[in-house]
């Protein structure tokens, strides 16, 4: 079929973890384009809720359903839940514009 299965496997192994994408997002986007108080808030939300749940997984393998489940787990904290959802959305939006950010 013209594909290279070995290259596909190597690419998947080289893909960044969610935690690595979070670090890149905070450094490249948030600290450069947001107020310092906003950056601290984003970092806190991601470190407190998202990184423990998703941190070592490959960022490209995380599904919308998993993000929705994480959001649902915070139903007793609706403000944090909605802010976390917005921050993760921003993270993935930025991640798709960086060259090779989600795939190594």
PDB file of N, CA and C in Angstrom:
ATOM      1  N   UNK A   1       0.814  -1.191   0.000  1.00  0.00           N
ATOM      2  CA  UNK A   1       0.000   0.000   0.000  1.00  0.00           C
ATOM      3  C   UNK A   1       0.857   1.255   0.000  1.00  0.00           C
ATOM      4  N   UNK A   2       2.164   1.101   0.098  1.00  0.00           N
ATOM      5  CA  UNK A   2       3.042   2.261   0.072  1.00  0.00           C
ATOM      6  C   UNK A   2       3.316   2.858   1.437  1.00  0.00           C
ATOM      7  N   UNK A   3       2.764   2.287   2.499  1.00  0.00           N
ATOM      8  CA  UNK A   3       2.980   2.802   3.849  1.00  0.00           C
ATOM      9  C   UNK A   3       4.247   2.230   4.456  1.00  0.00           C
ATOM     10  N   UNK A   4       4.684   2.833   5.542  1.00  0.00           N
ATOM     11  CA  UNK A   4       5.862   2.365   6.257  1.00  0.00           C
ATOM     12  C   UNK A   4       5.473   2.068   7.698  1.00  0.00           C
ATOM     13  N   UNK A   5       5.109   0.819   7.993  1.00  0.00           N
ATOM     14  CA  UNK A   5       4.655   0.473   9.335  1.00  0.00           C
ATOM     15  C   UNK A   5       5.704   0.756  10.419  1.00  0.00           C
ATOM     16  N   UNK A   6       6.972   0.547  10.119  1.00  0.00           N
ATOM     17  CA  UNK A   6       8.031   0.805  11.106  1.00  0.00           C
ATOM     18  C   UNK A   6       8.104   2.294  11.437  1.00  0.00           C
ATOM     19  N   UNK A   7       7.951   3.131  10.431  1.00  0.00           N
ATOM     20  CA  UNK A   7       7.968   4.577  10.675  1.00  0.00           C
ATOM     21  C   UNK A   7       6.749   5.006  11.486  1.00  0.00           C
ATOM     22  N   UNK A   8       5.607   4.367  11.226  1.00  0.00           N
ATOM     23  CA  UNK A   8       4.400   4.674  12.003  1.00  0.00           C
ATOM     24  C   UNK A   8       4.592   4.326  13.474  1.00  0.00           C
ATOM     25  N   UNK A   9       5.187   3.180  13.743  1.00  0.00           N
ATOM     26  CA  UNK A   9       5.446   2.764  15.123  1.00  0.00           C
ATOM     27  C   UNK A   9       6.436   3.716  15.786  1.00  0.00           C
ATOM     28  N   UNK A  10       7.481   4.089  15.080  1.00  0.00           N
ATOM     29  CA  UNK A  10       8.478   5.015  15.634  1.00  0.00           C
ATOM     30  C   UNK A  10       7.860   6.374  15.925  1.00  0.00           C
ATOM     31  N   UNK A  11       6.973   6.831  15.059  1.00  0.00           N
ATOM     32  CA  UNK A  11       6.314   8.117  15.258  1.00  0.00           C
ATOM     33  C   UNK A  11       5.423   8.087  16.492  1.00  0.00           C
ATOM     34  N   UNK A  12       4.704   6.986  16.690  1.00  0.00           N
ATOM     35  CA  UNK A  12       3.834   6.868  17.864  1.00  0.00           C
ATOM     36  C   UNK A  12       4.662   6.830  19.147  1.00  0.00           C
ATOM     37  N   UNK A  13       5.812   6.168  19.118  1.00  0.00           N
ATOM     38  CA  UNK A  13       6.672   6.123  20.301  1.00  0.00           C
ATOM     39  C   UNK A  13       7.241   7.495  20.635  1.00  0.00           C
ATOM     40  N   UNK A  14       7.498   8.297  19.611  1.00  0.00           N
ATOM     41  CA  UNK A  14       8.096   9.612  19.810  1.00  0.00           C
ATOM     42  C   UNK A  14       7.074  10.678  20.189  1.00  0.00           C
ATOM     43  N   UNK A  15       5.789  10.363  20.107  1.00  0.00           N
ATOM     44  CA  UNK A  15       4.748  11.346  20.420  1.00  0.00           C
ATOM     45  C   UNK A  15       4.895  11.833  21.854  1.00  0.00           C
ATOM     46  N   UNK A  16       4.594  13.097  22.057  1.00  0.00           N
ATOM     47  CA  UNK A  16       4.736  13.705  23.375  1.00  0.00           C
ATOM     48  C   UNK A  16       3.635  13.268  24.324  1.00  0.00           C
ATOM     49  N   UNK A  17       3.990  13.171  25.595  1.00  0.00           N
ATOM     50  CA  UNK A  17       2.995  12.881  26.619  1.00  0.00           C
ATOM     51  C   UNK A  17       2.154  14.125  26.871  1.00  0.00           C
ATOM     52  N   UNK A  18       1.025  13.932  27.517  1.00  0.00           N
ATOM     53  CA  UNK A  18       0.164  15.061  27.852  1.00  0.00           C
ATOM     54  C   UNK A  18       0.933  16.050  28.721  1.00  0.00           C
ATOM     55  N   UNK A  19       1.698  15.549  29.672  1.00  0.00           N
ATOM     56  CA  UNK A  19       2.478  16.411  30.564  1.00  0.00           C
ATOM     57  C   UNK A  19       3.487  17.236  29.768  1.00  0.00           C
ATOM     58  N   UNK A  20       4.132  16.644  28.782  1.00  0.00           N
ATOM     59  CA  UNK A  20       5.103  17.377  27.957  1.00  0.00           C
ATOM     60  C   UNK A  20       4.411  18.467  27.146  1.00  0.00           C
ATOM     61  N   UNK A  21       3.228  18.177  26.637  1.00  0.00           N
ATOM     62  CA  UNK A  21       2.476  19.181  25.878  1.00  0.00           C
ATOM     63  C   UNK A  21       2.016  20.300  26.803  1.00  0.00           C
ATOM     64  N   UNK A  22       1.631  19.950  28.035  1.00  0.00           N
ATOM     65  CA  UNK A  22       1.261  20.969  29.025  1.00  0.00           C
ATOM     66  C   UNK A  22       2.447  21.900  29.273  1.00  0.00           C
ATOM     67  N   UNK A  23       3.623  21.321  29.485  1.00  0.00           N
ATOM     68  CA  UNK A  23       4.817  22.141  29.729  1.00  0.00           C
ATOM     69  C   UNK A  23       5.113  23.052  28.548  1.00  0.00           C
ATOM     70  N   UNK A  24       5.009  22.521  27.346  1.00  0.00           N
ATOM     71  CA  UNK A  24       5.232  23.305  26.137  1.00  0.00           C
ATOM     72  C   UNK A  24       4.189  24.419  26.007  1.00  0.00           C
ATOM     73  N   UNK A  25       2.945  24.099  26.262  1.00  0.00           N
ATOM     74  CA  UNK A  25       1.854  25.068  26.210  1.00  0.00           C
ATOM     75  C   UNK A  25       2.086  26.212  27.197  1.00  0.00           C
ATOM     76  N   UNK A  26       2.441  25.857  28.420  1.00  0.00           N
ATOM     77  CA  UNK A  26       2.665  26.887  29.436  1.00  0.00           C
ATOM     78  C   UNK A  26       3.859  27.772  29.070  1.00  0.00           C
ATOM     79  N   UNK A  27       4.895  27.172  28.565  1.00  0.00           N
ATOM     80  CA  UNK A  27       6.109  27.935  28.240  1.00  0.00           C
ATOM     81  C   UNK A  27       5.967  28.751  26.951  1.00  0.00           C
ATOM     82  N   UNK A  28       5.480  28.135  25.903  1.00  0.00           N
ATOM     83  CA  UNK A  28       5.447  28.777  24.592  1.00  0.00           C
ATOM     84  C   UNK A  28       4.249  29.701  24.381  1.00  0.00           C
ATOM     85  N   UNK A  29       3.141  29.382  24.998  1.00  0.00           N
ATOM     86  CA  UNK A  29       1.931  30.159  24.729  1.00  0.00           C
ATOM     87  C   UNK A  29       1.493  30.992  25.934  1.00  0.00           C
ATOM     88  N   UNK A  30       1.257  30.334  27.037  1.00  0.00           N
ATOM     89  CA  UNK A  30       0.646  31.023  28.180  1.00  0.00           C
ATOM     90  C   UNK A  30       1.561  32.091  28.750  1.00  0.00           C
ATOM     91  N   UNK A  31       2.788  31.753  29.044  1.00  0.00           N
ATOM     92  CA  UNK A  31       3.686  32.742  29.652  1.00  0.00           C
ATOM     93  C   UNK A  31       4.016  33.882  28.698  1.00  0.00           C
ATOM     94  N   UNK A  32       3.956  33.611  27.408  1.00  0.00           N
ATOM     95  CA  UNK A  32       4.269  34.644  26.416  1.00  0.00           C
ATOM     96  C   UNK A  32       3.066  35.544  26.111  1.00  0.00           C
ATOM     97  N   UNK A  33       1.842  35.018  26.245  1.00  0.00           N
ATOM     98  CA  UNK A  33       0.685  35.758  25.749  1.00  0.00           C
ATOM     99  C   UNK A  33      -0.389  36.048  26.790  1.00  0.00           C
ATOM    100  N   UNK A  34      -0.197  35.610  28.017  1.00  0.00           N
ATOM    101  CA  UNK A  34      -1.189  35.843  29.052  1.00  0.00           C
ATOM    102  C   UNK A  34      -0.569  36.587  30.222  1.00  0.00           C
ATOM    103  N   UNK A  35      -1.419  37.258  31.010  1.00  0.00           N
ATOM    104  CA  UNK A  35      -0.936  37.926  32.216  1.00  0.00           C
ATOM    105  C   UNK A  35      -0.376  36.869  33.168  1.00  0.00           C
ATOM    106  N   UNK A  36       0.510  37.294  34.038  1.00  0.00           N
ATOM    107  CA  UNK A  36       1.145  36.336  34.943  1.00  0.00           C
ATOM    108  C   UNK A  36       0.127  35.657  35.851  1.00  0.00           C
ATOM    109  N   UNK A  37      -0.891  36.389  36.292  1.00  0.00           N
ATOM    110  CA  UNK A  37      -1.904  35.774  37.154  1.00  0.00           C
ATOM    111  C   UNK A  37      -2.697  34.710  36.393  1.00  0.00           C
ATOM    112  N   UNK A  38      -2.950  34.940  35.124  1.00  0.00           N
ATOM    113  CA  UNK A  38      -3.644  33.955  34.292  1.00  0.00           C
ATOM    114  C   UNK A  38      -2.763  32.729  34.093  1.00  0.00           C
ATOM    115  N   UNK A  39      -1.482  32.949  33.860  1.00  0.00           N
ATOM    116  CA  UNK A  39      -0.542  31.840  33.683  1.00  0.00           C
ATOM    117  C   UNK A  39      -0.495  30.971  34.935  1.00  0.00           C
ATOM    118  N   UNK A  40      -0.479  31.601  36.092  1.00  0.00           N
ATOM    119  CA  UNK A  40      -0.464  30.854  37.349  1.00  0.00           C
ATOM    120  C   UNK A  40      -1.751  30.042  37.492  1.00  0.00           C
ATOM    121  N   UNK A  41      -2.877  30.627  37.151  1.00  0.00           N
ATOM    122  CA  UNK A  41      -4.149  29.917  37.215  1.00  0.00           C
ATOM    123  C   UNK A  41      -4.205  28.728  36.281  1.00  0.00           C
ATOM    124  N   UNK A  42      -3.737  28.924  35.048  1.00  0.00           N
ATOM    125  CA  UNK A  42      -3.703  27.823  34.082  1.00  0.00           C
ATOM    126  C   UNK A  42      -2.811  26.696  34.591  1.00  0.00           C
ATOM    127  N   UNK A  43      -1.625  27.055  35.044  1.00  0.00           N
ATOM    128  CA  UNK A  43      -0.676  26.048  35.528  1.00  0.00           C
ATOM    129  C   UNK A  43      -1.251  25.283  36.716  1.00  0.00           C
ATOM    130  N   UNK A  44      -1.926  25.995  37.600  1.00  0.00           N
ATOM    131  CA  UNK A  44      -2.519  25.351  38.765  1.00  0.00           C
ATOM    132  C   UNK A  44      -3.621  24.370  38.375  1.00  0.00           C
ATOM    133  N   UNK A  45      -4.502  24.786  37.485  1.00  0.00           N
ATOM    134  CA  UNK A  45      -5.572  23.897  37.027  1.00  0.00           C
ATOM    135  C   UNK A  45      -5.011  22.642  36.375  1.00  0.00           C
ATOM    136  N   UNK A  46      -4.056  22.832  35.491  1.00  0.00           N
ATOM    137  CA  UNK A  46      -3.486  21.692  34.779  1.00  0.00           C
ATOM    138  C   UNK A  46      -2.727  20.754  35.723  1.00  0.00           C
ATOM    139  N   UNK A  47      -1.979  21.325  36.659  1.00  0.00           N
ATOM    140  CA  UNK A  47      -1.202  20.509  37.596  1.00  0.00           C
ATOM    141  C   UNK A  47      -2.093  19.788  38.606  1.00  0.00           C
ATOM    142  N   UNK A  48      -3.167  20.441  39.006  1.00  0.00           N
ATOM    143  CA  UNK A  48      -4.038  19.866  40.033  1.00  0.00           C
ATOM    144  C   UNK A  48      -4.980  18.809  39.490  1.00  0.00           C
ATOM    145  N   UNK A  49      -5.552  19.043  38.328  1.00  0.00           N
ATOM    146  CA  UNK A  49      -6.601  18.155  37.828  1.00  0.00           C
ATOM    147  C   UNK A  49      -6.215  17.344  36.594  1.00  0.00           C
ATOM    148  N   UNK A  50      -5.626  17.971  35.600  1.00  0.00           N
ATOM    149  CA  UNK A  50      -5.393  17.283  34.323  1.00  0.00           C
ATOM    150  C   UNK A  50      -4.146  16.403  34.334  1.00  0.00           C
ATOM    151  N   UNK A  51      -3.033  16.935  34.810  1.00  0.00           N
ATOM    152  CA  UNK A  51      -1.784  16.175  34.769  1.00  0.00           C
ATOM    153  C   UNK A  51      -1.849  14.877  35.577  1.00  0.00           C
ATOM    154  N   UNK A  52      -2.435  14.871  36.775  1.00  0.00           N
ATOM    155  CA  UNK A  52      -2.509  13.589  37.488  1.00  0.00           C
ATOM    156  C   UNK A  52      -3.356  12.536  36.758  1.00  0.00           C
ATOM    157  N   UNK A  53      -4.391  12.974  36.079  1.00  0.00           N
ATOM    158  CA  UNK A  53      -5.278  12.034  35.390  1.00  0.00           C
ATOM    159  C   UNK A  53      -4.741  11.598  34.031  1.00  0.00           C
ATOM    160  N   UNK A  54      -4.036  12.493  33.326  1.00  0.00           N
ATOM    161  CA  UNK A  54      -3.670  12.237  31.932  1.00  0.00           C
ATOM    162  C   UNK A  54      -2.164  12.320  31.654  1.00  0.00           C
ATOM    163  N   UNK A  55      -1.382  12.711  32.631  1.00  0.00           N
ATOM    164  CA  UNK A  55       0.005  13.104  32.458  1.00  0.00           C
ATOM    165  C   UNK A  55       0.915  12.228  31.629  1.00  0.00           C
ATOM    166  N   UNK A  56       0.945  10.927  31.846  1.00  0.00           N
ATOM    167  CA  UNK A  56       1.902  10.067  31.143  1.00  0.00           C
ATOM    168  C   UNK A  56       1.380   9.509  29.831  1.00  0.00           C
ATOM    169  N   UNK A  57       0.121   9.733  29.545  1.00  0.00           N
ATOM    170  CA  UNK A  57      -0.459   9.243  28.298  1.00  0.00           C
ATOM    171  C   UNK A  57      -0.015  10.100  27.130  1.00  0.00           C
ATOM    172  N   UNK A  58       0.001   9.553  25.960  1.00  0.00           N
ATOM    173  CA  UNK A  58       0.318  10.313  24.760  1.00  0.00           C
ATOM    174  C   UNK A  58      -0.806  11.319  24.517  1.00  0.00           C
ATOM    175  N   UNK A  59      -0.437  12.566  24.285  1.00  0.00           N
ATOM    176  CA  UNK A  59      -1.430  13.628  24.121  1.00  0.00           C
ATOM    177  C   UNK A  59      -2.367  13.351  22.955  1.00  0.00           C
ATOM    178  N   UNK A  60      -1.835  12.797  21.896  1.00  0.00           N
ATOM    179  CA  UNK A  60      -2.667  12.542  20.721  1.00  0.00           C
ATOM    180  C   UNK A  60      -3.650  11.383  20.929  1.00  0.00           C
ATOM    181  N   UNK A  61      -3.432  10.570  21.963  1.00  0.00           N
ATOM    182  CA  UNK A  61      -4.295   9.422  22.207  1.00  0.00           C
ATOM    183  C   UNK A  61      -5.448   9.724  23.157  1.00  0.00           C
ATOM    184  N   UNK A  62      -5.445  10.887  23.769  1.00  0.00           N
ATOM    185  CA  UNK A  62      -6.496  11.252  24.713  1.00  0.00           C
ATOM    186  C   UNK A  62      -7.745  11.638  23.931  1.00  0.00           C
ATOM    187  N   UNK A  63      -8.865  11.079  24.335  1.00  0.00           N
ATOM    188  CA  UNK A  63     -10.118  11.285  23.603  1.00  0.00           C
ATOM    189  C   UNK A  63     -10.973  12.371  24.252  1.00  0.00           C
ATOM    190  N   UNK A  64     -11.929  12.847  23.484  1.00  0.00           N
ATOM    191  CA  UNK A  64     -12.890  13.825  24.004  1.00  0.00           C
ATOM    192  C   UNK A  64     -13.682  13.226  25.162  1.00  0.00           C
ATOM    193  N   UNK A  65     -13.963  11.943  25.074  1.00  0.00           N
ATOM    194  CA  UNK A  65     -14.711  11.275  26.138  1.00  0.00           C
ATOM    195  C   UNK A  65     -13.928  11.293  27.453  1.00  0.00           C
ATOM    196  N   UNK A  66     -12.629  11.138  27.385  1.00  0.00           N
ATOM    197  CA  UNK A  66     -11.808  11.190  28.598  1.00  0.00           C
ATOM    198  C   UNK A  66     -11.790  12.594  29.193  1.00  0.00           C
ATOM    199  N   UNK A  67     -11.745  13.597  28.339  1.00  0.00           N
ATOM    200  CA  UNK A  67     -11.792  14.982  28.809  1.00  0.00           C
ATOM    201  C   UNK A  67     -13.167  15.253  29.432  1.00  0.00           C
ATOM    202  N   UNK A  68     -14.224  14.756  28.801  1.00  0.00           N
ATOM    203  CA  UNK A  68     -15.570  14.923  29.341  1.00  0.00           C
ATOM    204  C   UNK A  68     -15.708  14.221  30.692  1.00  0.00           C
ATOM    205  N   UNK A  69     -15.093  13.063  30.828  1.00  0.00           N
ATOM    206  CA  UNK A  69     -15.124  12.336  32.096  1.00  0.00           C
ATOM    207  C   UNK A  69     -14.390  13.124  33.181  1.00  0.00           C
ATOM    208  N   UNK A  70     -13.249  13.690  32.845  1.00  0.00           N
ATOM    209  CA  UNK A  70     -12.506  14.525  33.788  1.00  0.00           C
ATOM    210  C   UNK A  70     -13.354  15.730  34.203  1.00  0.00           C
ATOM    211  N   UNK A  71     -14.006  16.352  33.242  1.00  0.00           N
ATOM    212  CA  UNK A  71     -14.901  17.482  33.517  1.00  0.00           C
ATOM    213  C   UNK A  71     -16.030  17.049  34.451  1.00  0.00           C
ATOM    214  N   UNK A  72     -16.600  15.893  34.192  1.00  0.00           N
ATOM    215  CA  UNK A  72     -17.699  15.387  35.012  1.00  0.00           C
ATOM    216  C   UNK A  72     -17.251  15.067  36.442  1.00  0.00           C
ATOM    217  N   UNK A  73     -16.017  14.635  36.604  1.00  0.00           N
ATOM    218  CA  UNK A  73     -15.502  14.335  37.944  1.00  0.00           C
ATOM    219  C   UNK A  73     -15.421  15.585  38.816  1.00  0.00           C
ATOM    220  N   UNK A  74     -15.412  16.744  38.208  1.00  0.00           N
ATOM    221  CA  UNK A  74     -15.323  18.003  38.944  1.00  0.00           C
ATOM    222  C   UNK A  74     -16.678  18.703  39.056  1.00  0.00           C
ATOM    223  N   UNK A  75     -17.762  17.942  38.969  1.00  0.00           N
ATOM    224  CA  UNK A  75     -19.092  18.557  38.990  1.00  0.00           C
ATOM    225  C   UNK A  75     -19.379  19.278  40.302  1.00  0.00           C
ATOM    226  N   UNK A  76     -18.688  18.922  41.381  1.00  0.00           N
ATOM    227  CA  UNK A  76     -18.872  19.634  42.643  1.00  0.00           C
ATOM    228  C   UNK A  76     -18.085  20.946  42.679  1.00  0.00           C
ATOM    229  N   UNK A  77     -17.267  21.173  41.655  1.00  0.00           N
ATOM    230  CA  UNK A  77     -16.490  22.415  41.507  1.00  0.00           C
ATOM    231  C   UNK A  77     -16.725  22.959  40.104  1.00  0.00           C
ATOM    232  N   UNK A  78     -17.908  23.485  39.834  1.00  0.00           N
ATOM    233  CA  UNK A  78     -18.254  23.848  38.455  1.00  0.00           C
ATOM    234  C   UNK A  78     -17.351  24.913  37.841  1.00  0.00           C
ATOM    235  N   UNK A  79     -16.900  25.882  38.614  1.00  0.00           N
ATOM    236  CA  UNK A  79     -16.026  26.909  38.044  1.00  0.00           C
ATOM    237  C   UNK A  79     -14.715  26.288  37.576  1.00  0.00           C
ATOM    238  N   UNK A  80     -14.072  25.484  38.449  1.00  0.00           N
ATOM    239  CA  UNK A  80     -12.818  24.845  38.060  1.00  0.00           C
ATOM    240  C   UNK A  80     -13.019  23.881  36.900  1.00  0.00           C
ATOM    241  N   UNK A  81     -14.138  23.162  36.903  1.00  0.00           N
ATOM    242  CA  UNK A  81     -14.414  22.217  35.824  1.00  0.00           C
ATOM    243  C   UNK A  81     -14.500  22.920  34.481  1.00  0.00           C
ATOM    244  N   UNK A  82     -15.225  24.017  34.435  1.00  0.00           N
ATOM    245  CA  UNK A  82     -15.382  24.742  33.177  1.00  0.00           C
ATOM    246  C   UNK A  82     -14.094  25.444  32.758  1.00  0.00           C
ATOM    247  N   UNK A  83     -13.358  25.996  33.701  1.00  0.00           N
ATOM    248  CA  UNK A  83     -12.076  26.625  33.379  1.00  0.00           C
ATOM    249  C   UNK A  83     -11.096  25.575  32.862  1.00  0.00           C
ATOM    250  N   UNK A  84     -11.069  24.415  33.505  1.00  0.00           N
ATOM    251  CA  UNK A  84     -10.178  23.346  33.062  1.00  0.00           C
ATOM    252  C   UNK A  84     -10.510  22.925  31.636  1.00  0.00           C
ATOM    253  N   UNK A  85     -11.783  22.799  31.346  1.00  0.00           N
ATOM    254  CA  UNK A  85     -12.209  22.435  29.995  1.00  0.00           C
ATOM    255  C   UNK A  85     -11.742  23.479  28.985  1.00  0.00           C
ATOM    256  N   UNK A  86     -11.875  24.750  29.325  1.00  0.00           N
ATOM    257  CA  UNK A  86     -11.438  25.832  28.436  1.00  0.00           C
ATOM    258  C   UNK A  86      -9.923  25.813  28.242  1.00  0.00           C
ATOM    259  N   UNK A  87      -9.178  25.576  29.319  1.00  0.00           N
ATOM    260  CA  UNK A  87      -7.717  25.555  29.234  1.00  0.00           C
ATOM    261  C   UNK A  87      -7.242  24.364  28.395  1.00  0.00           C
ATOM    262  N   UNK A  88      -7.840  23.204  28.602  1.00  0.00           N
ATOM    263  CA  UNK A  88      -7.459  22.035  27.806  1.00  0.00           C
ATOM    264  C   UNK A  88      -7.805  22.267  26.339  1.00  0.00           C
ATOM    265  N   UNK A  89      -8.939  22.895  26.073  1.00  0.00           N
ATOM    266  CA  UNK A  89      -9.286  23.229  24.692  1.00  0.00           C
ATOM    267  C   UNK A  89      -8.255  24.149  24.067  1.00  0.00           C
ATOM    268  N   UNK A  90      -7.821  25.146  24.813  1.00  0.00           N
ATOM    269  CA  UNK A  90      -6.795  26.063  24.328  1.00  0.00           C
ATOM    270  C   UNK A  90      -5.472  25.333  24.109  1.00  0.00           C
ATOM    271  N   UNK A  91      -5.147  24.426  25.008  1.00  0.00           N
ATOM    272  CA  UNK A  91      -3.911  23.644  24.887  1.00  0.00           C
ATOM    273  C   UNK A  91      -3.905  22.859  23.578  1.00  0.00           C
ATOM    274  N   UNK A  92      -4.990  22.166  23.293  1.00  0.00           N
ATOM    275  CA  UNK A  92      -5.042  21.371  22.066  1.00  0.00           C
ATOM    276  C   UNK A  92      -5.119  22.247  20.816  1.00  0.00           C
ATOM    277  N   UNK A  93      -5.778  23.381  20.901  1.00  0.00           N
ATOM    278  CA  UNK A  93      -5.810  24.296  19.760  1.00  0.00           C
ATOM    279  C   UNK A  93      -4.407  24.792  19.449  1.00  0.00           C
ATOM    280  N   UNK A  94      -3.680  25.199  20.468  1.00  0.00           N
ATOM    281  CA  UNK A  94      -2.290  25.647  20.258  1.00  0.00           C
ATOM    282  C   UNK A  94      -1.412  24.497  19.799  1.00  0.00           C
ATOM    283  N   UNK A  95      -1.622  23.327  20.358  1.00  0.00           N
ATOM    284  CA  UNK A  95      -0.811  22.165  20.010  1.00  0.00           C
ATOM    285  C   UNK A  95      -0.913  21.788  18.550  1.00  0.00           C
ATOM    286  N   UNK A  96      -2.064  22.032  17.939  1.00  0.00           N
ATOM    287  CA  UNK A  96      -2.214  21.691  16.526  1.00  0.00           C
ATOM    288  C   UNK A  96      -1.521  22.689  15.606  1.00  0.00           C
ATOM    289  N   UNK A  97      -1.180  23.874  16.134  1.00  0.00           N
ATOM    290  CA  UNK A  97      -0.504  24.869  15.300  1.00  0.00           C
ATOM    291  C   UNK A  97       1.007  24.797  15.417  1.00  0.00           C
ATOM    292  N   UNK A  98       1.517  24.114  16.444  1.00  0.00           N
ATOM    293  CA  UNK A  98       2.974  23.993  16.594  1.00  0.00           C
ATOM    294  C   UNK A  98       3.469  22.864  15.717  1.00  0.00           C
ATOM    295  N   UNK A  99       4.603  23.071  15.055  1.00  0.00           N
ATOM    296  CA  UNK A  99       5.142  21.979  14.232  1.00  0.00           C
ATOM    297  C   UNK A  99       5.535  20.795  15.094  1.00  0.00           C
ATOM    298  N   UNK A 100       4.938  19.667  14.827  1.00  0.00           N
ATOM    299  CA  UNK A 100       5.273  18.386  15.479  1.00  0.00           C
ATOM    300  C   UNK A 100       5.103  18.399  16.987  1.00  0.00           C
ATOM    301  N   UNK A 101       4.279  19.256  17.538  1.00  0.00           N
ATOM    302  CA  UNK A 101       4.163  19.313  18.992  1.00  0.00           C
ATOM    303  C   UNK A 101       3.473  18.086  19.586  1.00  0.00           C
ATOM    304  N   UNK A 102       2.484  17.561  18.900  1.00  0.00           N
ATOM    305  CA  UNK A 102       1.790  16.408  19.452  1.00  0.00           C
ATOM    306  C   UNK A 102       2.376  15.090  18.979  1.00  0.00           C
ATOM    307  N   UNK A 103       3.260  15.147  18.022  1.00  0.00           N
ATOM    308  CA  UNK A 103       3.819  13.895  17.515  1.00  0.00           C
ATOM    309  C   UNK A 103       5.335  13.844  17.614  1.00  0.00           C
ATOM    310  N   UNK A 104       5.898  14.594  18.512  1.00  0.00           N
ATOM    311  CA  UNK A 104       7.339  14.498  18.728  1.00  0.00           C
ATOM    312  C   UNK A 104       8.001  15.566  18.040  1.00  0.00           C
TER     313      UNK A 104
END
